[in-house]
Protein backbone atom coordinates (compact mmCIF):
# COMPACT_ATOMS: atom_id res chain seq x y z
CA MET A 1 -22.34 22.92 -28.84
CA ALA A 2 -23.89 22.40 -25.38
CA LYS A 3 -22.44 24.54 -22.62
CA LYS A 4 -20.41 22.51 -20.14
CA SER A 5 -21.55 22.45 -16.51
CA PRO A 6 -19.06 23.94 -14.05
CA LEU A 7 -17.17 21.44 -11.87
CA GLU A 8 -14.86 22.27 -8.99
CA ILE A 9 -12.15 19.62 -8.60
CA LEU A 10 -10.46 19.44 -5.21
CA LEU A 11 -7.22 17.46 -5.22
CA CYS A 12 -6.21 15.80 -1.96
CA ALA A 13 -2.59 16.45 -1.03
CA PRO A 14 -0.65 14.35 -0.23
CA ARG A 15 -1.77 11.66 -2.70
CA GLY A 16 -0.11 9.06 -4.92
CA PHE A 17 3.37 7.59 -4.64
CA CYS A 18 4.91 7.20 -1.19
CA ALA A 19 8.66 6.90 -0.56
CA GLY A 20 8.52 3.08 -0.33
CA VAL A 21 6.75 2.73 -3.69
CA ASP A 22 9.04 5.29 -5.32
CA ARG A 23 12.08 3.35 -4.07
CA ALA A 24 10.71 -0.03 -5.24
CA ILE A 25 10.04 1.24 -8.79
CA GLN A 26 13.49 2.90 -8.86
CA ILE A 27 15.09 -0.43 -7.89
CA VAL A 28 13.53 -2.18 -10.91
CA GLU A 29 14.40 0.68 -13.27
CA LEU A 30 18.00 0.99 -12.01
CA ALA A 31 18.49 -2.81 -12.18
CA LEU A 32 17.32 -2.77 -15.82
CA GLU A 33 19.66 0.15 -16.52
CA LYS A 34 22.67 -1.47 -14.84
CA TYR A 35 22.23 -5.15 -15.72
CA GLY A 36 19.98 -5.01 -18.79
CA ALA A 37 16.82 -7.03 -19.43
CA PRO A 38 15.45 -9.30 -18.22
CA VAL A 39 15.06 -8.49 -14.55
CA TYR A 40 12.75 -10.84 -12.63
CA VAL A 41 10.33 -9.44 -10.05
CA ARG A 42 8.60 -11.67 -7.51
CA HIS A 43 5.00 -10.48 -7.20
CA GLU A 44 3.80 -7.11 -8.57
CA ILE A 45 6.48 -4.64 -7.45
CA VAL A 46 3.61 -2.38 -6.33
CA HIS A 47 -0.13 -2.90 -6.75
CA ASN A 48 -0.72 -0.89 -9.91
CA LYS A 49 -1.27 -2.36 -13.38
CA TYR A 50 -0.11 0.80 -15.19
CA VAL A 51 3.22 0.75 -13.30
CA VAL A 52 3.67 -3.01 -13.77
CA ASP A 53 2.86 -2.81 -17.51
CA GLY A 54 5.34 0.07 -17.90
CA LEU A 55 8.10 -1.99 -16.26
CA LYS A 56 7.21 -5.06 -18.35
CA ALA A 57 7.66 -2.94 -21.47
CA LYS A 58 11.19 -2.10 -20.27
CA GLY A 59 12.10 -5.77 -19.74
CA ALA A 60 10.89 -6.75 -16.25
CA ILE A 61 9.37 -10.22 -15.96
CA PHE A 62 6.86 -10.65 -13.12
CA VAL A 63 6.37 -14.00 -11.39
CA GLU A 64 4.47 -15.06 -8.28
CA GLU A 65 7.04 -17.59 -7.01
CA LEU A 66 10.79 -18.11 -7.46
CA GLU A 67 10.18 -21.57 -8.93
CA GLU A 68 8.83 -19.85 -12.08
CA ILE A 69 12.27 -18.29 -12.69
CA PRO A 70 14.75 -20.34 -14.75
CA ASP A 71 18.36 -20.69 -13.56
CA THR A 72 19.71 -17.25 -14.35
CA ASP A 73 22.33 -14.61 -13.57
CA ALA A 74 19.66 -11.91 -13.99
CA PRO A 75 18.67 -9.95 -10.89
CA VAL A 76 15.62 -11.10 -8.95
CA ILE A 77 13.73 -8.37 -7.08
CA PHE A 78 11.38 -8.86 -4.12
CA SER A 79 8.35 -6.55 -4.09
CA ALA A 80 7.72 -3.56 -1.79
CA HIS A 81 5.27 -5.63 0.29
CA GLY A 82 8.03 -7.80 1.79
CA VAL A 83 8.54 -11.55 1.71
CA ALA A 84 8.67 -14.46 4.14
CA LYS A 85 12.16 -15.45 5.34
CA SER A 86 11.91 -18.64 3.28
CA VAL A 87 12.08 -16.62 0.03
CA PRO A 88 15.65 -15.22 0.35
CA VAL A 89 16.70 -18.62 1.73
CA GLU A 90 15.43 -20.29 -1.45
CA ALA A 91 17.06 -17.57 -3.60
CA LYS A 92 20.43 -18.18 -1.89
CA HIS A 93 20.00 -21.93 -2.31
CA ARG A 94 19.60 -21.36 -6.06
CA ASN A 95 22.54 -18.91 -6.17
CA MET A 96 20.26 -16.11 -7.33
CA PHE A 97 21.40 -12.51 -7.27
CA TYR A 98 18.51 -10.81 -5.51
CA LEU A 99 17.63 -7.24 -4.56
CA ASP A 100 15.12 -6.56 -1.82
CA ALA A 101 12.65 -3.75 -2.59
CA THR A 102 10.72 -4.27 0.67
CA CYS A 103 9.54 -0.90 1.99
CA PRO A 104 11.71 0.06 5.00
CA LEU A 105 8.52 0.70 7.01
CA VAL A 106 7.41 -2.89 6.37
CA SER A 107 10.90 -4.11 7.35
CA LYS A 108 10.46 -2.18 10.62
CA VAL A 109 7.35 -4.27 11.39
CA HIS A 110 9.34 -7.46 10.60
CA VAL A 111 12.07 -6.39 13.05
CA GLU A 112 9.47 -5.59 15.75
CA ALA A 113 7.82 -9.00 15.36
CA GLN A 114 11.23 -10.72 15.58
CA ARG A 115 12.16 -8.77 18.74
CA HIS A 116 8.86 -9.58 20.44
CA PHE A 117 9.29 -13.25 19.54
CA GLU A 118 12.84 -13.37 20.92
CA ALA A 119 11.60 -11.71 24.12
CA GLY A 120 9.08 -14.51 24.60
CA PHE A 121 5.92 -12.70 23.51
CA GLU A 122 2.98 -14.27 21.72
CA ILE A 123 2.32 -12.01 18.73
CA ILE A 124 -0.88 -10.73 17.16
CA LEU A 125 -0.81 -9.19 13.69
CA ILE A 126 -3.68 -6.84 12.79
CA GLY A 127 -4.13 -7.11 9.03
CA HIS A 128 -5.95 -8.61 6.06
CA ALA A 129 -5.59 -12.35 5.40
CA GLY A 130 -3.83 -13.16 2.15
CA HIS A 131 -2.40 -9.69 1.56
CA PRO A 132 1.26 -10.08 0.46
CA GLU A 133 2.45 -7.83 3.29
CA VAL A 134 0.66 -10.01 5.86
CA VAL A 135 2.02 -13.20 4.27
CA GLY A 136 5.53 -11.70 4.43
CA THR A 137 5.22 -10.55 8.05
CA MET A 138 3.80 -13.88 9.27
CA GLY A 139 6.59 -15.60 7.36
CA GLN A 140 9.27 -13.88 9.47
CA LEU A 141 8.67 -16.32 12.32
CA PRO A 142 8.02 -20.06 12.72
CA GLU A 143 4.55 -21.17 11.70
CA GLY A 144 1.99 -20.49 14.43
CA ALA A 145 4.09 -17.82 16.18
CA ILE A 146 1.85 -15.00 14.86
CA SER A 147 -1.96 -14.94 15.09
CA LEU A 148 -3.87 -12.80 12.59
CA ILE A 149 -6.72 -10.57 13.72
CA GLU A 150 -8.82 -8.79 11.08
CA THR A 151 -11.76 -7.32 13.00
CA VAL A 152 -12.98 -6.21 16.43
CA GLU A 153 -15.11 -9.40 16.44
CA ASP A 154 -11.91 -11.48 16.06
CA VAL A 155 -10.59 -9.93 19.29
CA ALA A 156 -13.56 -11.29 21.24
CA THR A 157 -13.00 -14.87 20.01
CA PHE A 158 -9.17 -14.84 20.11
CA LYS A 159 -7.70 -17.43 22.45
CA PRO A 160 -4.06 -16.92 23.42
CA LYS A 161 -2.04 -20.10 22.94
CA SER A 162 -0.47 -19.80 26.38
CA ASP A 163 -0.16 -17.45 29.32
CA GLN A 164 2.85 -15.79 27.66
CA LYS A 165 2.93 -12.03 27.37
CA LEU A 166 1.10 -10.65 24.32
CA ALA A 167 2.28 -8.08 21.79
CA PHE A 168 0.75 -6.73 18.58
CA VAL A 169 2.01 -5.33 15.27
CA THR A 170 -0.04 -4.13 12.30
CA GLN A 171 -0.05 -4.14 8.52
CA THR A 172 1.18 -0.72 7.33
CA THR A 173 -1.73 0.09 4.96
CA LEU A 174 -4.81 -0.27 7.18
CA SER A 175 -7.62 2.14 7.98
CA LEU A 176 -6.54 4.27 10.95
CA ASP A 177 -10.02 4.24 12.47
CA ASP A 178 -10.61 0.50 12.06
CA THR A 179 -7.19 -0.28 13.50
CA ALA A 180 -7.75 2.06 16.46
CA ALA A 181 -10.98 0.20 17.25
CA ILE A 182 -9.22 -3.19 17.11
CA VAL A 183 -6.33 -1.92 19.28
CA ALA A 184 -8.84 -0.53 21.81
CA ALA A 185 -10.60 -3.91 21.92
CA LEU A 186 -7.27 -5.71 22.43
CA ARG A 187 -6.27 -3.34 25.24
CA ALA A 188 -9.65 -3.74 26.91
CA ARG A 189 -9.26 -7.54 26.89
CA PHE A 190 -5.51 -7.68 27.48
CA PRO A 191 -4.49 -4.51 29.39
CA GLU A 192 -0.83 -5.59 29.51
CA ILE A 193 -0.48 -6.12 25.72
CA ALA A 194 2.71 -4.61 24.31
CA ALA A 195 2.29 -2.07 21.49
CA PRO A 196 4.75 -1.02 18.76
CA HIS A 197 7.25 1.66 19.86
CA LYS A 198 5.96 3.81 17.03
CA GLU A 199 2.77 3.49 15.00
CA ASP A 200 3.06 0.70 12.39
CA ILE A 201 0.58 2.27 9.96
CA CYS A 202 2.90 4.16 7.66
CA TYR A 203 3.11 7.95 7.41
CA ALA A 204 1.85 7.89 3.79
CA THR A 205 -1.25 5.82 4.60
CA THR A 206 -1.98 8.14 7.53
CA ASN A 207 -1.49 11.34 5.50
CA ARG A 208 -3.61 10.18 2.55
CA GLN A 209 -6.47 9.12 4.83
CA GLU A 210 -6.35 12.40 6.77
CA ALA A 211 -6.49 14.41 3.50
CA VAL A 212 -9.53 12.43 2.35
CA LYS A 213 -11.28 13.04 5.70
CA VAL A 214 -10.90 16.79 5.14
CA VAL A 215 -12.05 16.78 1.48
CA ALA A 216 -14.87 14.18 1.62
CA PRO A 217 -17.45 16.42 3.37
CA LEU A 218 -16.78 19.23 0.86
CA VAL A 219 -17.53 17.35 -2.40
CA ASP A 220 -20.43 15.62 -4.18
CA ALA A 221 -18.26 12.70 -5.36
CA MET A 222 -14.79 11.30 -4.70
CA ILE A 223 -12.52 9.33 -7.01
CA VAL A 224 -9.66 7.28 -5.58
CA VAL A 225 -7.14 6.49 -8.31
CA GLY A 226 -5.76 3.03 -7.55
CA ALA A 227 -6.04 -0.71 -7.99
CA PRO A 228 -8.60 -3.07 -6.44
CA ASN A 229 -5.79 -5.22 -4.96
CA SER A 230 -4.16 -2.16 -3.34
CA SER A 231 -5.05 -2.21 0.35
CA ASN A 232 -4.27 1.46 0.95
CA SER A 233 -6.39 2.52 -2.07
CA MET A 234 -9.39 0.48 -0.95
CA ARG A 235 -9.12 2.00 2.52
CA LEU A 236 -9.25 5.51 0.99
CA VAL A 237 -12.62 4.69 -0.63
CA GLU A 238 -13.94 3.53 2.77
CA VAL A 239 -12.58 6.64 4.52
CA ALA A 240 -14.22 8.93 1.94
CA ASP A 241 -17.53 7.10 2.27
CA ARG A 242 -17.47 7.33 6.08
CA GLY A 243 -16.26 10.92 5.89
CA GLY A 244 -19.48 12.09 4.31
CA CYS A 245 -19.08 11.45 0.58
CA SER A 246 -21.41 8.55 -0.22
CA LYS A 247 -20.49 8.67 -3.93
CA SER A 248 -16.90 7.44 -3.51
CA MET A 249 -15.34 5.02 -5.96
CA LEU A 250 -12.09 3.42 -7.03
CA VAL A 251 -10.97 4.07 -10.62
CA GLN A 252 -7.86 2.59 -12.25
CA ARG A 253 -7.90 4.59 -15.51
CA ALA A 254 -9.99 7.36 -17.11
CA SER A 255 -11.36 4.79 -19.58
CA GLU A 256 -13.09 3.01 -16.66
CA ILE A 257 -15.15 6.00 -15.50
CA ASP A 258 -18.89 5.39 -15.44
CA TRP A 259 -20.05 8.88 -16.44
CA ASN A 260 -23.64 8.19 -15.35
CA GLN A 261 -22.35 8.32 -11.76
CA PHE A 262 -21.32 11.97 -12.20
CA THR A 263 -24.45 13.48 -13.70
CA GLY A 264 -25.35 16.71 -11.93
CA ILE A 265 -22.32 16.91 -9.62
CA LYS A 266 -20.83 20.33 -8.90
CA SER A 267 -17.74 19.29 -6.95
CA LEU A 268 -15.35 16.32 -7.16
CA GLY A 269 -12.56 15.20 -4.85
CA ILE A 270 -9.64 13.24 -6.32
CA THR A 271 -6.95 11.34 -4.46
CA ALA A 272 -4.63 8.47 -5.38
CA GLY A 273 -3.40 5.43 -3.50
CA ALA A 274 0.27 5.19 -2.59
CA SER A 275 1.04 3.01 -5.63
CA ALA A 276 -0.80 5.16 -8.23
CA PRO A 277 1.31 7.47 -10.43
CA GLU A 278 0.39 11.13 -10.86
CA GLU A 279 -0.04 10.78 -14.64
CA LEU A 280 -3.18 8.71 -13.97
CA VAL A 281 -4.57 11.57 -11.87
CA ASP A 282 -3.78 13.97 -14.75
CA GLU A 283 -5.49 11.61 -17.20
CA ILE A 284 -8.68 11.59 -15.09
CA ILE A 285 -8.69 15.40 -14.68
CA GLU A 286 -8.31 15.72 -18.46
CA ALA A 287 -11.27 13.34 -19.02
CA PHE A 288 -13.45 15.49 -16.72
CA GLY A 289 -12.22 18.60 -18.53
CA LYS A 290 -13.71 17.28 -21.78
CA ARG A 291 -17.16 16.98 -20.19
CA PHE A 292 -17.22 19.78 -17.61
CA ASP A 293 -15.95 23.35 -17.27
CA ILE A 294 -13.43 22.49 -14.57
CA SER A 295 -11.53 24.53 -12.00
CA VAL A 296 -8.82 22.64 -10.10
CA SER A 297 -7.37 23.42 -6.67
CA ALA A 298 -5.48 21.41 -4.05
CA LYS A 299 -6.32 20.88 -0.40
CA VAL A 300 -2.95 20.40 1.30
CA THR A 301 -3.12 18.75 4.72
CA ALA A 302 0.54 17.65 5.07
CA THR A 303 3.83 17.88 3.23
CA GLU A 304 6.07 14.87 2.68
CA ASN A 305 9.82 14.97 2.14
CA ILE A 306 10.79 11.40 3.01
CA ALA A 307 13.03 9.42 0.66
CA PHE A 308 14.58 5.97 1.10
CA ASN A 309 17.95 4.86 -0.28
CA VAL A 310 18.13 2.17 -2.95
CA PRO A 311 20.34 -0.89 -2.27
CA ARG A 312 24.10 -0.29 -2.40
CA GLU A 313 24.51 -2.39 -5.57
CA LEU A 314 22.40 0.10 -7.53
CA ARG A 315 23.75 3.42 -6.25
CA SER A 316 26.34 3.66 -9.03
CA ALA A 317 23.51 3.27 -11.59
């Protein structure tokens, strides 16, 4: 049998589930435990197929819009990404029993946007068009109250609607560096623009990106465990690439790995997006262990001990 080549695996820490994702998954699991199946979930509870499939197997039914749900007494859960104000209004109108799994850090952005609006500010949201979190944040206020900016180039062409004061908020899962560049461009053009009291990009996004920046220059290749529709996972691939690891790729499951990409490597970094469970990281390490003589160590750049409470209705479960 051919001798396996040695491979040093460096695990980024922190990686994987954040407190908001952990809470959202708990809400679905506790609702199933307390009320029984089915439980309806509007949009993927978090952007990870493995997690969603696991919850489907337990009796969760995923829909994109409330209109897909029949008249029911079953709980309806809103995803971690947050929803427009029209969604709970529609749920109330249909007498639905709903539970809101919106991440508290996303809710904080919603509250900021509302406060700015009430104080007479015109609001800019830095984010990615079409992402459920952006749709939810823009849906907190009347149509047209929030303008979306995606790039530094957008700042140059942005025309304020009036001479009102300007304020900005951001999506919570963006690239720190890209966002800093956009904020700098906004401040250069509009020196008086009001900023969030505290950074909108969430602690978990920040910590995972910082860990990747440390590991990327040390390895020949980097795997980000996550889903292609997960904003924070896609940003980790970009951060690794910019950080000096040109062979950086997103992988959902071990079965997806293109082994040709890893011929001749001696070191591998692994991280996971905030909605990717640790068992998928283990699965990928195991797959490498079958082909290489692996040694595994962790590069810890921060420790996280944040936890968010589940809704009151589920605490007895």
